[in-house]
């Protein structure tokens, strides 16, 4: 993965050429006493078998939405199994500027073989678009899955998200803030459906932008990314939305030697998720760096050391609670 800092130094993102929108008051009811919608976790999800090597079909380049004349695409993995299935929206990393669905292809195949409907999604990029637009795209893919549930064989109450790095941030935002008007504007897919998920596995993602801003390294970019979206760093932080739906479970894998997104980001996230009522597991991995699950890394030693734990967590989250 090419981190944002390297991209900037390489001149791929010419910040002087970017024209950030002026910051505006956040009109998301972020702090209002609103009864936000919550997913129904009172029934068991359909069973899956992580030891199976089930067959599945893949349809590439499915259009889940269109924005500014640009098709937003996903690869759809449909297991050869009867009845509505649990599902996963997968989000690749790439420093918000690069990367592609290939980063998550190995993971998508594994989960589809176990019996999940999998959406491996694409989204727009910084600096042409702000983090609000990227979040909106992933939220829109969740709404597309729910709207097309009958067609793709998805159980609407059994959808989770998995993302790595930038995709981990976007997966967290979609699972926590998917019903916020800030991140649904312009998404006609799914009509009035709320983008609700049951659990999320954000690998080594940014969770608290103010804390990340205060850190060394890439944190210097956080104010610029916020200005690009025309929002505050707080409004773009997953930690700001933990009170929305405490039924969403989180498994937080993070290497202790991550020099791109410090493990303190997942520690802070865990520290606010748990008191808010979210089922949460923090998995710090000694000696492991950044990007270990992307691409072929899914089958690598680092990810396989925790994969069984992740699968156990997903199974637990898919049971009635």
Protein backbone atom coordinates (compact mmCIF):
# COMPACT_ATOMS: atom_id res chain seq x y z
CA UNK A 1 0.00 0.00 0.00
CA UNK A 2 1.25 3.48 -0.81
CA UNK A 3 0.62 5.72 2.21
CA UNK A 4 -0.65 9.25 1.78
CA UNK A 5 2.65 10.73 2.98
CA UNK A 6 4.55 8.95 0.23
CA UNK A 7 1.97 9.98 -2.32
CA UNK A 8 2.32 13.61 -1.29
CA UNK A 9 6.09 13.51 -1.40
CA UNK A 10 5.94 11.94 -4.82
CA UNK A 11 3.80 14.81 -6.00
CA UNK A 12 0.85 12.60 -6.86
CA UNK A 13 -1.39 14.76 -4.68
CA UNK A 14 -0.50 18.38 -5.49
CA UNK A 15 -2.05 20.02 -2.43
CA UNK A 16 -1.47 23.46 -3.88
CA UNK A 17 -3.82 22.49 -6.69
CA UNK A 18 -6.54 21.30 -4.34
CA UNK A 19 -9.33 23.71 -3.53
CA UNK A 20 -10.81 22.66 -0.20
CA UNK A 21 -14.39 23.55 0.54
CA UNK A 22 -14.65 25.96 3.46
CA UNK A 23 -15.54 24.23 6.70
CA UNK A 24 -19.23 24.49 7.49
CA UNK A 25 -21.25 23.82 10.64
CA UNK A 26 -21.96 20.12 10.92
CA UNK A 27 -25.64 19.47 10.24
CA UNK A 28 -25.64 15.80 11.06
CA UNK A 29 -27.45 15.90 14.38
CA UNK A 30 -24.24 14.31 15.64
CA UNK A 31 -24.91 15.45 19.18
CA UNK A 32 -28.70 15.63 19.08
CA UNK A 33 -30.84 13.19 21.12
CA UNK A 34 -32.10 11.39 18.03
CA UNK A 35 -33.42 7.84 18.08
CA UNK A 36 -31.07 6.48 15.45
CA UNK A 37 -32.11 3.25 13.72
CA UNK A 38 -30.51 0.01 14.88
CA UNK A 39 -30.17 -3.37 13.24
CA UNK A 40 -32.28 -6.25 14.55
CA UNK A 41 -30.02 -8.81 16.23
CA UNK A 42 -32.75 -10.83 17.94
CA UNK A 43 -32.53 -13.78 15.55
CA UNK A 44 -29.69 -16.06 14.50
CA UNK A 45 -28.21 -15.49 11.07
CA UNK A 46 -28.01 -18.39 8.61
CA UNK A 47 -25.13 -20.72 9.38
CA UNK A 48 -21.82 -20.61 7.52
CA UNK A 49 -18.96 -23.10 7.48
CA UNK A 50 -15.46 -21.64 7.47
CA UNK A 51 -13.98 -25.11 6.96
CA UNK A 52 -15.91 -25.63 3.74
CA UNK A 53 -14.66 -24.96 0.25
CA UNK A 54 -18.04 -24.19 -1.18
CA UNK A 55 -18.55 -23.02 -4.72
CA UNK A 56 -19.56 -19.48 -5.59
CA UNK A 57 -20.11 -17.28 -8.62
CA UNK A 58 -18.44 -13.92 -9.20
CA UNK A 59 -19.93 -11.05 -11.18
CA UNK A 60 -17.43 -8.26 -11.73
CA UNK A 61 -18.03 -4.54 -12.24
CA UNK A 62 -21.59 -4.39 -10.96
CA UNK A 63 -22.76 -0.76 -10.87
CA UNK A 64 -24.12 0.01 -7.40
CA UNK A 65 -24.51 3.77 -7.93
CA UNK A 66 -23.56 6.61 -10.21
CA UNK A 67 -22.20 9.95 -9.05
CA UNK A 68 -21.18 12.88 -11.26
CA UNK A 69 -21.44 10.61 -14.28
CA UNK A 70 -19.04 8.08 -12.75
CA UNK A 71 -20.09 4.46 -12.29
CA UNK A 72 -19.33 3.12 -8.83
CA UNK A 73 -18.50 -0.56 -9.12
CA UNK A 74 -18.37 -3.68 -6.99
CA UNK A 75 -17.53 -7.33 -7.51
CA UNK A 76 -20.35 -9.57 -6.31
CA UNK A 77 -19.61 -13.03 -4.89
CA UNK A 78 -22.66 -15.28 -4.57
CA UNK A 79 -22.27 -18.61 -2.74
CA UNK A 80 -23.92 -21.73 -4.05
CA UNK A 81 -26.20 -22.08 -1.04
CA UNK A 82 -29.92 -22.07 -0.38
CA UNK A 83 -31.90 -19.35 1.33
CA UNK A 84 -30.94 -15.81 2.33
CA UNK A 85 -27.30 -15.69 3.37
CA UNK A 86 -25.28 -13.46 5.67
CA UNK A 87 -23.25 -10.86 3.82
CA UNK A 88 -20.10 -8.75 3.95
CA UNK A 89 -19.18 -5.44 2.35
CA UNK A 90 -15.39 -5.43 1.85
CA UNK A 91 -13.41 -2.22 1.41
CA UNK A 92 -9.82 -2.07 0.17
CA UNK A 93 -7.14 0.31 1.40
CA UNK A 94 -4.68 2.51 -0.44
CA UNK A 95 -4.22 5.70 1.57
CA UNK A 96 -7.54 7.08 0.23
CA UNK A 97 -5.73 7.78 -3.05
CA UNK A 98 -5.06 4.40 -4.66
CA UNK A 99 -5.60 0.66 -4.29
CA UNK A 100 -8.23 -1.51 -5.92
CA UNK A 101 -10.58 -4.42 -5.31
CA UNK A 102 -7.74 -6.86 -5.87
CA UNK A 103 -6.50 -6.02 -2.37
CA UNK A 104 -9.52 -7.82 -0.90
CA UNK A 105 -10.06 -10.53 -3.52
CA UNK A 106 -8.47 -13.35 -1.52
CA UNK A 107 -10.55 -12.48 1.54
CA UNK A 108 -13.70 -12.20 -0.59
CA UNK A 109 -13.14 -15.67 -2.04
CA UNK A 110 -12.59 -17.18 1.40
CA UNK A 111 -15.76 -15.74 2.89
CA UNK A 112 -17.84 -16.55 -0.18
CA UNK A 113 -16.66 -20.17 -0.01
CA UNK A 114 -17.85 -20.25 3.60
CA UNK A 115 -21.33 -19.14 2.55
CA UNK A 116 -21.36 -15.33 2.67
CA UNK A 117 -22.68 -13.01 -0.01
CA UNK A 118 -19.70 -10.69 -0.52
CA UNK A 119 -19.56 -7.23 -2.07
CA UNK A 120 -15.99 -6.13 -2.84
CA UNK A 121 -16.51 -2.43 -3.42
CA UNK A 122 -14.78 0.42 -5.20
CA UNK A 123 -15.05 4.05 -4.15
CA UNK A 124 -13.89 7.47 -5.31
CA UNK A 125 -10.53 8.98 -4.32
CA UNK A 126 -8.84 11.85 -2.55
CA UNK A 127 -8.00 14.59 -3.59
CA UNK A 128 -10.71 14.80 -6.25
CA UNK A 129 -13.20 14.00 -3.51
CA UNK A 130 -13.27 14.37 0.27
CA UNK A 131 -13.58 11.70 2.93
CA UNK A 132 -17.28 12.47 3.17
CA UNK A 133 -17.73 11.39 -0.47
CA UNK A 134 -15.67 8.23 0.04
CA UNK A 135 -17.73 7.36 3.11
CA UNK A 136 -20.91 8.10 1.20
CA UNK A 137 -19.86 5.64 -1.52
CA UNK A 138 -19.35 2.78 0.93
CA UNK A 139 -22.60 3.63 2.73
CA UNK A 140 -24.31 3.58 -0.66
CA UNK A 141 -22.92 0.10 -1.37
CA UNK A 142 -24.46 -1.09 1.91
CA UNK A 143 -27.81 0.41 0.88
CA UNK A 144 -27.50 -1.26 -2.54
CA UNK A 145 -26.95 -4.64 -0.86
CA UNK A 146 -30.01 -4.19 1.33
CA UNK A 147 -32.15 -2.98 -1.57
CA UNK A 148 -31.09 -5.94 -3.73
CA UNK A 149 -31.26 -8.46 -0.88
CA UNK A 150 -34.00 -10.57 -2.43
CA UNK A 151 -32.17 -10.71 -5.76
CA UNK A 152 -28.72 -11.54 -4.38
CA UNK A 153 -29.93 -13.86 -1.61
CA UNK A 154 -28.93 -11.67 1.35
CA UNK A 155 -30.41 -11.71 4.84
CA UNK A 156 -30.81 -7.99 5.57
CA UNK A 157 -30.21 -8.41 9.31
CA UNK A 158 -26.90 -10.22 8.77
CA UNK A 159 -24.59 -7.80 6.94
CA UNK A 160 -21.10 -6.90 8.19
CA UNK A 161 -18.16 -4.85 6.93
CA UNK A 162 -14.46 -5.65 6.59
CA UNK A 163 -11.85 -3.12 5.51
CA UNK A 164 -8.12 -2.61 5.69
CA UNK A 165 -6.26 0.66 6.31
CA UNK A 166 -8.22 3.40 4.51
CA UNK A 167 -10.86 0.75 3.91
CA UNK A 168 -10.89 0.01 7.64
CA UNK A 169 -11.75 3.63 8.31
CA UNK A 170 -14.49 3.55 5.68
CA UNK A 171 -15.88 0.25 7.00
CA UNK A 172 -16.09 1.74 10.50
CA UNK A 173 -17.78 4.88 9.22
CA UNK A 174 -20.31 2.89 7.19
CA UNK A 175 -21.16 0.69 10.17
CA UNK A 176 -21.51 3.57 12.63
CA UNK A 177 -22.62 6.60 10.61
CA UNK A 178 -24.44 4.96 7.72
CA UNK A 179 -27.74 6.61 8.62
CA UNK A 180 -26.32 10.12 9.00
CA UNK A 181 -27.47 12.64 6.36
CA UNK A 182 -23.86 13.76 6.00
CA UNK A 183 -23.03 10.45 4.35
CA UNK A 184 -26.22 9.58 2.49
CA UNK A 185 -26.77 12.75 0.48
CA UNK A 186 -26.92 12.01 -3.23
CA UNK A 187 -27.24 8.25 -2.79
CA UNK A 188 -30.52 7.32 -4.43
CA UNK A 189 -29.75 3.61 -4.22
CA UNK A 190 -31.98 1.89 -1.70
CA UNK A 191 -34.35 4.81 -1.29
CA UNK A 192 -35.20 5.37 2.37
CA UNK A 193 -33.45 2.21 3.56
CA UNK A 194 -31.04 2.76 6.44
CA UNK A 195 -27.52 1.44 5.92
CA UNK A 196 -27.43 -0.91 8.92
CA UNK A 197 -24.77 -3.51 9.62
CA UNK A 198 -24.33 -6.08 12.38
CA UNK A 199 -20.55 -6.07 12.85
CA UNK A 200 -17.30 -4.66 11.47
CA UNK A 201 -13.65 -5.75 11.23
CA UNK A 202 -11.57 -2.64 10.47
CA UNK A 203 -7.95 -3.73 10.10
CA UNK A 204 -5.51 -1.03 11.31
CA UNK A 205 -7.81 1.85 10.38
CA UNK A 206 -7.88 5.48 11.50
CA UNK A 207 -10.62 5.89 14.09
CA UNK A 208 -10.01 9.22 15.86
CA UNK A 209 -8.90 11.98 13.49
CA UNK A 210 -8.17 14.57 16.23
CA UNK A 211 -5.86 12.12 18.01
CA UNK A 212 -4.27 11.13 14.70
CA UNK A 213 -3.77 14.81 13.87
CA UNK A 214 -1.86 15.26 17.11
CA UNK A 215 0.47 12.34 16.30
CA UNK A 216 3.61 12.53 14.21
CA UNK A 217 3.75 11.58 10.55
CA UNK A 218 0.54 11.34 8.55
CA UNK A 219 -1.46 13.21 11.17
CA UNK A 220 -0.35 16.47 9.57
CA UNK A 221 -2.72 15.67 6.69
CA UNK A 222 -5.88 15.41 8.80
CA UNK A 223 -6.81 19.13 8.75
CA UNK A 224 -6.32 19.16 4.98
CA UNK A 225 -8.51 16.10 4.53
CA UNK A 226 -11.17 17.69 6.73
CA UNK A 227 -11.04 20.94 4.74
CA UNK A 228 -11.32 18.96 1.52
CA UNK A 229 -14.60 17.55 2.82
CA UNK A 230 -15.75 20.87 4.23
CA UNK A 231 -16.21 19.26 7.65
CA UNK A 232 -14.46 19.10 10.99
CA UNK A 233 -12.09 16.28 11.92
CA UNK A 234 -14.61 15.31 14.61
CA UNK A 235 -17.40 14.90 12.06
CA UNK A 236 -15.15 12.59 10.05
CA UNK A 237 -14.12 10.40 13.00
CA UNK A 238 -15.69 6.99 13.66
CA UNK A 239 -15.27 7.67 17.38
CA UNK A 240 -17.86 10.46 17.10
CA UNK A 241 -20.61 7.99 16.19
CA UNK A 242 -20.21 5.17 18.72
CA UNK A 243 -23.46 6.07 20.50
CA UNK A 244 -25.54 5.49 17.36
CA UNK A 245 -26.12 1.72 17.32
CA UNK A 246 -24.39 -0.17 20.14
CA UNK A 247 -25.48 -3.51 18.70
CA UNK A 248 -22.72 -3.26 16.05
CA UNK A 249 -19.79 -5.45 17.09
CA UNK A 250 -16.16 -4.57 16.33
CA UNK A 251 -13.03 -6.70 16.04
CA UNK A 252 -9.95 -4.45 15.87
CA UNK A 253 -6.73 -6.06 14.56
CA UNK A 254 -3.64 -3.84 14.68
CA UNK A 255 0.11 -4.47 14.54
CA UNK A 256 2.21 -2.96 17.32
CA UNK A 257 4.88 -1.94 14.78
CA UNK A 258 2.47 -0.13 12.45
CA UNK A 259 4.29 3.06 11.39
CA UNK A 260 1.48 4.32 9.14
CA UNK A 261 -1.54 4.18 11.47
CA UNK A 262 -0.35 3.83 15.07
CA UNK A 263 -1.94 1.06 17.14
CA UNK A 264 -3.11 3.73 19.56
CA UNK A 265 -5.88 4.46 17.04
CA UNK A 266 -7.44 1.03 17.63
CA UNK A 267 -6.78 1.32 21.36
CA UNK A 268 -8.64 4.64 21.50
CA UNK A 269 -11.45 3.18 19.37
CA UNK A 270 -11.78 0.18 21.67
CA UNK A 271 -11.79 2.53 24.64
CA UNK A 272 -14.90 4.36 23.43
CA UNK A 273 -16.72 1.46 21.75
CA UNK A 274 -16.82 -0.76 24.82
CA UNK A 275 -18.34 1.78 27.26
CA UNK A 276 -20.93 2.67 24.60
CA UNK A 277 -22.13 -0.94 24.65
CA UNK A 278 -20.56 -2.35 21.49
CA UNK A 279 -19.31 -5.95 21.64
CA UNK A 280 -15.63 -5.26 20.98
CA UNK A 281 -12.37 -7.16 20.79
CA UNK A 282 -9.00 -5.45 20.42
CA UNK A 283 -6.25 -7.64 18.95
CA UNK A 284 -2.80 -6.06 19.13
CA UNK A 285 -0.25 -8.10 17.18
CA UNK A 286 3.32 -7.87 18.53
CA UNK A 287 5.97 -7.08 15.92
CA UNK A 288 3.49 -6.73 13.04
CA UNK A 289 3.42 -3.69 10.76
CA UNK A 290 0.89 -2.10 8.42
CA UNK A 291 -0.93 -3.65 5.47
CA UNK A 292 -0.56 -7.31 6.42
CA UNK A 293 -3.95 -8.48 5.11
CA UNK A 294 -3.97 -6.75 1.71
CA UNK A 295 -3.71 -8.88 -1.43
CA UNK A 296 -1.96 -12.18 -0.87
CA UNK A 297 -1.38 -11.15 2.73
CA UNK A 298 -4.73 -12.66 3.63
CA UNK A 299 -3.09 -16.09 3.48
CA UNK A 300 0.12 -14.84 5.08
CA UNK A 301 1.36 -15.84 8.51
CA UNK A 302 0.33 -12.62 10.24
CA UNK A 303 -3.31 -12.68 9.19
CA UNK A 304 -3.69 -16.42 9.54
CA UNK A 305 -2.55 -16.10 13.15
CA UNK A 306 -5.78 -14.22 13.90
CA UNK A 307 -8.15 -15.44 11.18
CA UNK A 308 -9.74 -18.14 13.33
CA UNK A 309 -10.40 -15.56 16.06
CA UNK A 310 -12.02 -13.22 13.53
CA UNK A 311 -14.20 -16.05 12.27
CA UNK A 312 -15.24 -16.93 15.82
CA UNK A 313 -16.12 -13.28 16.43
CA UNK A 314 -18.19 -13.09 13.24
CA UNK A 315 -20.02 -16.28 14.20
CA UNK A 316 -20.73 -14.83 17.64
CA UNK A 317 -22.01 -11.56 16.19
CA UNK A 318 -24.29 -13.47 13.81
CA UNK A 319 -26.02 -15.25 16.70
CA UNK A 320 -29.08 -13.80 18.40
CA UNK A 321 -28.15 -11.26 21.05
